[in-house]
Amino acid sequence: MIVTGVIAEFNPLHKGHALLLKKVKEAGADRIAVVMSGNFVQRGETAILSKWARTKQALLCGADLVVELPVPWAVSGAEKFALGGISLLDAVGADRIAFGSECGSIDLLRKAQQALSSPLLHEAIHDELAAGSTFAAARQTAVRQLFGEKTAQLLGCPNNILAIEYLKAMERTHSHMVPFTVQREGAAHDSKTPGENRTASSAQIRRMIQSNADCSEFLPSAAWTVLQSEREAGRAPASLVWLERGILAKLRTLSKDKLSRLPDISEGLENRVYSAIQRADSLGELYRMIKTKRYTLARIRRIVLSSFLGIDASCREGDPPYLRILGIRKGGADILKRAKISGNLPILSRKADCSRLDSRAAQIIKLENTASDLFALCTPRAAPCGLDASTGVIVL
């Protein structure tokens, strides 16, 4: 049995994602295991649909097992996001990992991975940062100087960057998985207009969902049906807009010392964040006050979200400490058997399983449950606390 792993947000699951799952099957996968972000995502925002709705979309579109990427890793930058996902795929016993990329070449991605692992790179990046470049621009310029234009160009594409981080994480964790990449097709990442073959980016689809526009042509029919059901039930679309003043209120209670312990805070950034918190009267204004050429908007949003959810830098040290099952269909049972035999991580599929966790895992699961309770207030119809315990595993 060949198990292929996929790390995803599926925010929401669209035709590009469905194509990836289809090509994974065509490449010989007997089972597909997905590690998926929960209710909050890498952009420092809510997912547009709950993790249970997106799990159902994934199972209907080809996944056999869906495991949750815990929130400290789900709302991290590419490096920590990749490390968390890779460690969980190793824990379920995946033989391969599949991911999209703009270049479509493992060989090219490996060259970029080797470039980013070079000891020569750090000093070159430091020089570029001192000249006022953003980290991304500094890194790309340094790679261009040391390893050539072709390798540097790979770092200008978001899916390539994440793919390279997967390869770096696999090397760091000594993963046995074999990487497999599918060339990304259609609209560019964050594009505001459809690409060729009437495809759309996740960002464009989210904008359409938020404005109640018809995006059915961009989603597999099964995923569209789930979306419609969530809309009718008042559970979608989710947005931090519903909690904006609550977030601002929480931030106003935080000291500089507390802010200094947040993920992605360095070089005295907590002082800038603290000052902005005292003056901002909206999240948009807060982001604008903190953002500089050096610090990206996505990083700022992640810092603000982490502060609201109670995530500090220590929470994401090491690897995720458990396998929490979000959804399964018949073929997923075979993957779970393999994970149980390896015994690398405790498997959580019932509320009672949480009582056997060690202190660190219990801390992470508590953060996850709190995040879900807050997400329940981010939808058109607010829901009560305790959904993590009461919803259970989605079974198809």
Protein backbone atom coordinates (compact mmCIF):
# COMPACT_ATOMS: atom_id res chain seq x y z
CA MET A 1 0.00 0.00 0.00
CA ILE A 2 1.42 3.38 -1.06
CA VAL A 3 0.32 6.29 1.11
CA THR A 4 0.87 9.77 -0.31
CA GLY A 5 0.68 12.77 1.98
CA VAL A 6 -0.54 16.28 1.19
CA ILE A 7 -0.17 19.36 3.41
CA ALA A 8 -2.91 21.90 2.77
CA GLU A 9 -5.22 24.61 3.98
CA PHE A 10 -7.98 23.95 1.39
CA ASN A 11 -9.21 27.48 2.02
CA PRO A 12 -11.51 26.52 0.33
CA LEU A 13 -10.90 23.35 -1.69
CA HIS A 14 -11.03 24.37 -5.35
CA LYS A 15 -10.46 22.70 -8.72
CA GLY A 16 -6.69 23.18 -8.53
CA HIS A 17 -6.63 21.20 -5.28
CA ALA A 18 -8.87 18.54 -6.80
CA LEU A 19 -6.47 18.26 -9.75
CA LEU A 20 -3.55 17.71 -7.35
CA LEU A 21 -5.43 14.91 -5.57
CA LYS A 22 -6.35 13.36 -8.92
CA LYS A 23 -2.74 13.42 -10.15
CA VAL A 24 -1.58 11.90 -6.88
CA LYS A 25 -3.88 8.95 -7.52
CA GLU A 26 -2.70 8.69 -11.13
CA ALA A 27 0.91 8.60 -9.88
CA GLY A 28 0.18 5.40 -7.98
CA ALA A 29 -1.14 6.41 -4.56
CA ASP A 30 -3.38 3.80 -2.96
CA ARG A 31 -4.31 6.12 -0.10
CA ILE A 32 -4.10 9.89 0.43
CA ALA A 33 -3.44 11.35 3.87
CA VAL A 34 -3.98 15.10 4.27
CA VAL A 35 -2.53 17.28 7.02
CA MET A 36 -4.80 20.32 7.05
CA SER A 37 -4.82 23.60 8.96
CA GLY A 38 -7.67 24.01 11.39
CA ASN A 39 -9.89 27.07 11.79
CA PHE A 40 -7.07 29.63 11.47
CA VAL A 41 -4.55 29.82 8.64
CA GLN A 42 -1.10 31.02 7.63
CA ARG A 43 -2.32 34.42 6.44
CA GLY A 44 -3.16 35.31 10.05
CA GLU A 45 -6.90 35.07 9.43
CA THR A 46 -9.80 32.68 9.89
CA ALA A 47 -10.33 30.00 7.28
CA ILE A 48 -13.34 30.87 5.11
CA LEU A 49 -15.02 27.60 6.21
CA SER A 50 -14.67 25.63 9.42
CA LYS A 51 -12.17 22.79 9.60
CA TRP A 52 -15.05 20.31 9.62
CA ALA A 53 -16.57 21.68 6.43
CA ARG A 54 -13.18 21.69 4.68
CA THR A 55 -12.53 18.17 5.96
CA LYS A 56 -15.76 17.04 4.35
CA GLN A 57 -14.73 18.75 1.10
CA ALA A 58 -11.39 16.92 1.21
CA LEU A 59 -12.94 13.51 1.83
CA LEU A 60 -15.48 14.00 -0.95
CA CYS A 61 -12.71 15.02 -3.37
CA GLY A 62 -10.31 12.13 -2.82
CA ALA A 63 -8.66 12.25 0.61
CA ASP A 64 -8.83 9.11 2.74
CA LEU A 65 -7.70 10.61 6.04
CA VAL A 66 -7.56 14.22 7.27
CA VAL A 67 -5.35 15.11 10.23
CA GLU A 68 -5.29 18.54 11.86
CA LEU A 69 -2.16 20.72 11.78
CA PRO A 70 -2.32 22.26 15.28
CA VAL A 71 -2.89 26.01 15.43
CA PRO A 72 0.62 27.10 16.53
CA TRP A 73 2.05 25.62 13.32
CA ALA A 74 -0.95 26.47 11.13
CA VAL A 75 -0.52 30.20 11.80
CA SER A 76 3.26 30.15 11.37
CA GLY A 77 5.47 31.24 8.50
CA ALA A 78 6.43 28.79 5.77
CA GLU A 79 9.33 27.16 7.66
CA LYS A 80 7.42 26.19 10.81
CA PHE A 81 4.27 25.39 8.81
CA ALA A 82 6.27 22.94 6.69
CA LEU A 83 8.04 21.37 9.67
CA GLY A 84 4.74 20.73 11.41
CA GLY A 85 3.14 19.20 8.33
CA ILE A 86 6.11 16.99 7.46
CA SER A 87 6.40 15.63 11.00
CA LEU A 88 2.72 14.64 11.00
CA LEU A 89 2.93 12.95 7.60
CA ASP A 90 5.92 10.97 8.86
CA ALA A 91 3.90 10.01 11.93
CA VAL A 92 1.07 8.57 9.80
CA GLY A 93 3.62 6.59 7.79
CA ALA A 94 3.29 8.34 4.42
CA ASP A 95 5.57 6.94 1.70
CA ARG A 96 5.42 10.03 -0.52
CA ILE A 97 4.56 13.70 -0.24
CA ALA A 98 2.89 15.59 -3.07
CA PHE A 99 2.70 19.35 -3.47
CA GLY A 100 2.10 21.95 -6.15
CA SER A 101 4.82 24.23 -7.48
CA GLU A 102 5.13 26.80 -10.21
CA CYS A 103 8.26 25.14 -11.65
CA GLY A 104 7.02 21.53 -11.56
CA SER A 105 10.53 20.13 -11.06
CA ILE A 106 11.89 18.38 -7.97
CA ASP A 107 15.43 18.75 -9.31
CA LEU A 108 15.13 22.54 -9.56
CA LEU A 109 13.51 22.74 -6.13
CA ARG A 110 16.32 20.66 -4.63
CA LYS A 111 18.90 23.05 -6.08
CA ALA A 112 17.11 25.93 -4.40
CA GLN A 113 16.90 23.96 -1.16
CA GLN A 114 20.65 23.36 -1.24
CA ALA A 115 21.23 27.06 -1.94
CA LEU A 116 19.14 28.08 1.08
CA SER A 117 21.06 25.62 3.25
CA SER A 118 24.43 27.03 2.23
CA PRO A 119 26.52 28.55 5.05
CA LEU A 120 27.54 31.28 2.59
CA LEU A 121 24.01 32.61 2.39
CA HIS A 122 23.58 34.03 5.89
CA GLU A 123 26.19 36.75 5.54
CA ALA A 124 24.95 37.75 2.08
CA ILE A 125 21.37 38.06 3.39
CA HIS A 126 22.57 40.11 6.35
CA ASP A 127 24.24 42.58 4.01
CA GLU A 128 21.05 42.98 1.97
CA LEU A 129 18.93 43.45 5.09
CA ALA A 130 21.32 46.15 6.28
CA ALA A 131 20.71 47.91 2.97
CA GLY A 132 16.97 48.06 3.75
CA SER A 133 15.58 45.08 1.81
CA THR A 134 12.75 42.88 3.05
CA PHE A 135 13.85 39.41 4.12
CA ALA A 136 12.29 37.81 1.03
CA ALA A 137 13.98 40.27 -1.32
CA ALA A 138 17.28 40.01 0.55
CA ARG A 139 17.25 36.23 0.35
CA GLN A 140 16.40 36.22 -3.34
CA THR A 141 19.16 38.74 -4.12
CA ALA A 142 21.69 36.75 -2.09
CA VAL A 143 20.78 33.53 -3.90
CA ARG A 144 21.09 35.32 -7.25
CA GLN A 145 24.59 36.54 -6.37
CA LEU A 146 25.79 33.14 -5.13
CA PHE A 147 23.86 30.59 -7.18
CA GLY A 148 22.56 32.32 -10.29
CA GLU A 149 19.39 33.81 -11.72
CA LYS A 150 17.56 30.54 -12.47
CA THR A 151 17.68 29.40 -8.86
CA ALA A 152 16.82 32.87 -7.56
CA GLN A 153 13.72 33.07 -9.77
CA LEU A 154 12.25 30.06 -7.97
CA LEU A 155 12.08 32.16 -4.80
CA GLY A 156 9.75 34.66 -6.46
CA CYS A 157 6.85 32.18 -6.54
CA PRO A 158 4.88 31.31 -3.37
CA ASN A 159 4.21 27.65 -4.14
CA ASN A 160 7.87 27.09 -5.02
CA ILE A 161 8.87 28.68 -1.71
CA LEU A 162 6.59 26.39 0.29
CA ALA A 163 7.77 23.36 -1.73
CA ILE A 164 11.39 24.25 -0.93
CA GLU A 165 10.47 24.50 2.75
CA TYR A 166 8.96 20.99 2.57
CA LEU A 167 12.25 19.68 1.17
CA LYS A 168 14.22 21.53 3.87
CA ALA A 169 11.94 20.10 6.56
CA MET A 170 12.35 16.58 5.17
CA GLU A 171 16.12 16.90 5.33
CA ARG A 172 15.99 18.33 8.84
CA THR A 173 13.72 15.55 10.13
CA HIS A 174 15.46 12.78 8.14
CA SER A 175 12.13 11.95 6.50
CA HIS A 176 11.99 8.85 4.32
CA MET A 177 9.18 10.27 2.14
CA VAL A 178 9.74 10.61 -1.60
CA PRO A 179 8.70 14.07 -2.91
CA PHE A 180 6.42 14.44 -5.92
CA THR A 181 5.42 17.81 -7.39
CA VAL A 182 2.62 18.83 -9.73
CA GLN A 183 3.05 21.99 -11.79
CA ARG A 184 0.55 24.60 -10.70
CA GLU A 185 -1.92 25.64 -13.38
CA GLY A 186 -4.33 28.54 -13.76
CA ALA A 187 -4.55 31.85 -11.92
CA ALA A 188 -1.51 33.08 -10.01
CA HIS A 189 -1.44 33.06 -6.22
CA ASP A 190 -3.61 35.89 -4.83
CA SER A 191 -4.75 36.79 -8.37
CA LYS A 192 -7.87 38.96 -8.57
CA THR A 193 -8.93 37.67 -12.00
CA PRO A 194 -9.48 34.15 -13.41
CA GLY A 195 -6.59 32.47 -15.18
CA GLU A 196 -6.58 30.22 -18.19
CA ASN A 197 -9.23 27.49 -18.35
CA ARG A 198 -11.41 29.63 -16.05
CA THR A 199 -9.45 28.75 -12.92
CA ALA A 200 -9.29 31.08 -9.94
CA SER A 201 -6.92 31.58 -7.02
CA SER A 202 -7.98 30.74 -3.46
CA ALA A 203 -7.85 34.47 -2.65
CA GLN A 204 -10.23 35.34 -5.47
CA ILE A 205 -12.63 32.57 -4.49
CA ARG A 206 -12.62 33.77 -0.87
CA ARG A 207 -13.47 37.29 -2.03
CA MET A 208 -16.36 35.90 -4.06
CA ILE A 209 -17.64 33.89 -1.09
CA GLN A 210 -17.44 36.94 1.18
CA SER A 211 -19.48 38.97 -1.32
CA ASN A 212 -21.99 36.13 -1.78
CA ALA A 213 -21.05 35.78 -5.46
CA ASP A 214 -21.47 32.56 -7.41
CA CYS A 215 -18.09 30.77 -7.50
CA SER A 216 -19.46 27.34 -8.39
CA GLU A 217 -17.47 27.12 -11.63
CA PHE A 218 -14.21 27.25 -9.66
CA LEU A 219 -15.03 24.49 -7.14
CA PRO A 220 -15.62 20.75 -7.58
CA SER A 221 -19.34 20.09 -7.38
CA ALA A 222 -19.01 18.23 -4.07
CA ALA A 223 -17.03 21.10 -2.50
CA TRP A 224 -19.59 23.61 -3.79
CA THR A 225 -22.42 21.61 -2.19
CA VAL A 226 -20.63 21.72 1.17
CA LEU A 227 -20.10 25.48 0.84
CA GLN A 228 -23.77 26.07 0.07
CA SER A 229 -24.81 23.97 3.04
CA GLU A 230 -22.52 25.98 5.35
CA ARG A 231 -23.89 29.27 4.00
CA GLU A 232 -27.49 28.19 4.55
CA ALA A 233 -26.70 27.11 8.11
CA GLY A 234 -25.10 30.49 8.91
CA ARG A 235 -21.68 28.92 9.42
CA ALA A 236 -20.02 30.66 6.46
CA PRO A 237 -18.30 32.78 5.45
CA ALA A 238 -16.08 33.14 8.51
CA SER A 239 -14.17 36.36 9.13
CA LEU A 240 -12.28 38.16 11.90
CA VAL A 241 -14.53 41.16 11.20
CA TRP A 242 -17.03 39.69 13.67
CA LEU A 243 -14.42 39.87 16.45
CA GLU A 244 -12.55 43.04 15.52
CA ARG A 245 -13.20 45.05 18.68
CA GLY A 246 -12.72 41.97 20.84
CA ILE A 247 -9.27 41.46 19.33
CA LEU A 248 -8.36 45.10 19.87
CA ALA A 249 -9.61 44.89 23.46
CA LYS A 250 -7.48 41.81 24.17
CA LEU A 251 -4.38 43.43 22.65
CA ARG A 252 -4.80 46.54 24.85
CA THR A 253 -4.34 44.36 27.94
CA LEU A 254 -0.93 43.05 26.83
CA SER A 255 2.36 44.38 28.18
CA LYS A 256 5.52 44.85 26.13
CA ASP A 257 6.99 41.85 27.93
CA LYS A 258 4.05 39.67 26.88
CA LEU A 259 4.32 40.92 23.31
CA SER A 260 8.05 40.15 23.23
CA ARG A 261 7.26 36.45 23.75
CA LEU A 262 5.00 36.18 20.69
CA PRO A 263 6.06 34.19 17.62
CA ASP A 264 7.83 36.22 14.90
CA ILE A 265 8.74 39.04 17.31
CA SER A 266 12.39 40.09 17.11
CA GLU A 267 14.69 43.09 17.02
CA GLY A 268 12.48 45.13 19.34
CA LEU A 269 9.38 44.79 17.14
CA GLU A 270 7.28 44.47 20.31
CA ASN A 271 7.81 48.21 20.92
CA ARG A 272 6.34 49.09 17.54
CA VAL A 273 3.44 46.68 18.08
CA TYR A 274 2.74 48.06 21.57
CA SER A 275 2.72 51.65 20.30
CA ALA A 276 0.33 50.79 17.47
CA ILE A 277 -2.03 48.97 19.84
CA GLN A 278 -2.40 52.12 21.94
CA ARG A 279 -3.50 54.19 18.93
CA ALA A 280 -5.29 51.92 16.44
CA ASP A 281 -9.10 51.82 16.36
CA SER A 282 -9.39 49.06 13.71
CA LEU A 283 -7.46 45.98 12.69
CA GLY A 284 -6.68 47.50 9.30
CA GLU A 285 -5.20 50.58 10.93
CA LEU A 286 -3.25 48.42 13.38
CA TYR A 287 -1.69 46.41 10.55
CA ARG A 288 -0.76 49.57 8.66
CA MET A 289 0.86 51.15 11.72
CA ILE A 290 3.04 48.10 12.40
CA LYS A 291 3.95 47.20 8.84
CA THR A 292 7.26 48.34 7.41
CA LYS A 293 9.29 47.37 4.37
CA ARG A 294 11.09 44.88 6.61
CA TYR A 295 7.98 43.22 8.06
CA THR A 296 5.36 41.77 5.69
CA LEU A 297 1.64 42.18 6.21
CA ALA A 298 1.19 38.42 6.58
CA ARG A 299 3.76 38.35 9.39
CA ILE A 300 2.02 41.25 11.15
CA ARG A 301 -1.37 39.53 10.88
CA ARG A 302 0.11 36.32 12.32
CA ILE A 303 1.60 38.22 15.26
CA VAL A 304 -1.74 39.92 16.01
CA LEU A 305 -3.69 36.67 15.67
CA SER A 306 -1.22 34.77 17.87
CA SER A 307 -1.56 37.40 20.58
CA PHE A 308 -5.35 37.06 20.49
CA LEU A 309 -5.31 33.25 20.56
CA GLY A 310 -2.73 33.10 23.36
CA ILE A 311 0.07 31.54 21.30
CA ASP A 312 3.60 32.43 22.33
CA ALA A 313 6.87 31.39 20.69
CA SER A 314 7.33 28.42 23.05
CA CYS A 315 4.12 26.79 21.83
CA ARG A 316 5.55 25.83 18.46
CA GLU A 317 8.94 24.58 19.64
CA GLY A 318 9.62 21.07 18.39
CA ASP A 319 7.04 19.09 16.43
CA PRO A 320 3.27 18.71 16.89
CA PRO A 321 2.80 16.26 19.78
CA TYR A 322 -0.25 14.30 18.59
CA LEU A 323 -2.26 13.15 15.57
CA ARG A 324 -5.77 14.58 15.78
CA ILE A 325 -8.13 12.96 13.29
CA LEU A 326 -10.58 15.36 11.66
CA GLY A 327 -12.06 13.00 9.08
CA ILE A 328 -11.82 9.55 7.58
CA ARG A 329 -13.37 7.37 4.94
CA LYS A 330 -13.02 3.62 4.42
CA GLY A 331 -9.48 3.68 3.00
CA GLY A 332 -8.26 5.86 5.84
CA ALA A 333 -8.52 2.96 8.28
CA ASP A 334 -5.49 1.37 6.59
CA ILE A 335 -3.46 4.54 7.18
CA LEU A 336 -4.50 4.65 10.83
CA LYS A 337 -3.42 1.03 11.32
CA ARG A 338 0.03 1.95 10.05
CA ALA A 339 0.17 5.00 12.35
CA LYS A 340 -0.88 2.92 15.36
CA ILE A 341 1.77 0.28 14.66
CA SER A 342 4.52 2.89 14.44
CA GLY A 343 3.29 4.48 17.67
CA ASN A 344 5.19 7.69 16.97
CA LEU A 345 2.42 9.95 18.30
CA PRO A 346 -0.78 9.52 20.31
CA ILE A 347 -3.84 9.40 18.04
CA LEU A 348 -6.84 11.51 19.03
CA SER A 349 -10.21 10.53 17.62
CA ARG A 350 -12.39 10.85 20.74
CA LYS A 351 -12.59 13.33 23.60
CA ALA A 352 -11.39 10.65 26.02
CA ASP A 353 -8.11 10.31 24.11
CA CYS A 354 -7.09 13.80 25.26
CA SER A 355 -7.01 12.72 28.91
CA ARG A 356 -3.95 10.56 28.24
CA LEU A 357 -1.78 13.34 26.80
CA ASP A 358 1.39 14.62 28.46
CA SER A 359 1.54 18.21 29.70
CA ARG A 360 2.91 19.72 26.47
CA ALA A 361 0.37 17.98 24.25
CA ALA A 362 -2.40 18.94 26.69
CA GLN A 363 -1.32 22.59 26.42
CA ILE A 364 -1.50 22.48 22.61
CA ILE A 365 -4.91 20.78 22.57
CA LYS A 366 -6.20 23.39 25.02
CA LEU A 367 -5.01 26.15 22.66
CA GLU A 368 -6.74 24.37 19.78
CA ASN A 369 -10.01 24.06 21.66
CA THR A 370 -9.88 27.74 22.63
CA ALA A 371 -9.18 28.69 19.00
CA SER A 372 -12.27 26.75 17.91
CA ASP A 373 -14.38 28.43 20.59
CA LEU A 374 -13.28 31.85 19.29
CA PHE A 375 -13.78 30.80 15.66
CA ALA A 376 -17.38 29.98 16.60
CA LEU A 377 -17.91 33.75 17.01
CA CYS A 378 -16.43 34.51 13.57
CA THR A 379 -19.38 33.21 11.55
CA PRO A 380 -22.67 34.91 10.58
CA ARG A 381 -24.51 32.80 13.15
CA ALA A 382 -22.46 32.50 16.35
CA ALA A 383 -22.05 29.02 17.83
CA PRO A 384 -21.47 27.93 21.43
CA CYS A 385 -18.20 26.72 22.94
CA GLY A 386 -17.17 23.10 22.88
CA LEU A 387 -17.48 22.29 19.17
CA ASP A 388 -14.13 20.49 19.16
CA ALA A 389 -15.49 17.97 21.64
CA SER A 390 -19.03 17.72 20.31
CA THR A 391 -18.39 17.58 16.55
CA GLY A 392 -16.26 14.43 16.52
CA VAL A 393 -14.59 12.83 13.52
CA ILE A 394 -16.22 13.33 10.11
CA VAL A 395 -16.83 9.85 8.67
CA LEU A 396 -17.75 9.18 5.05
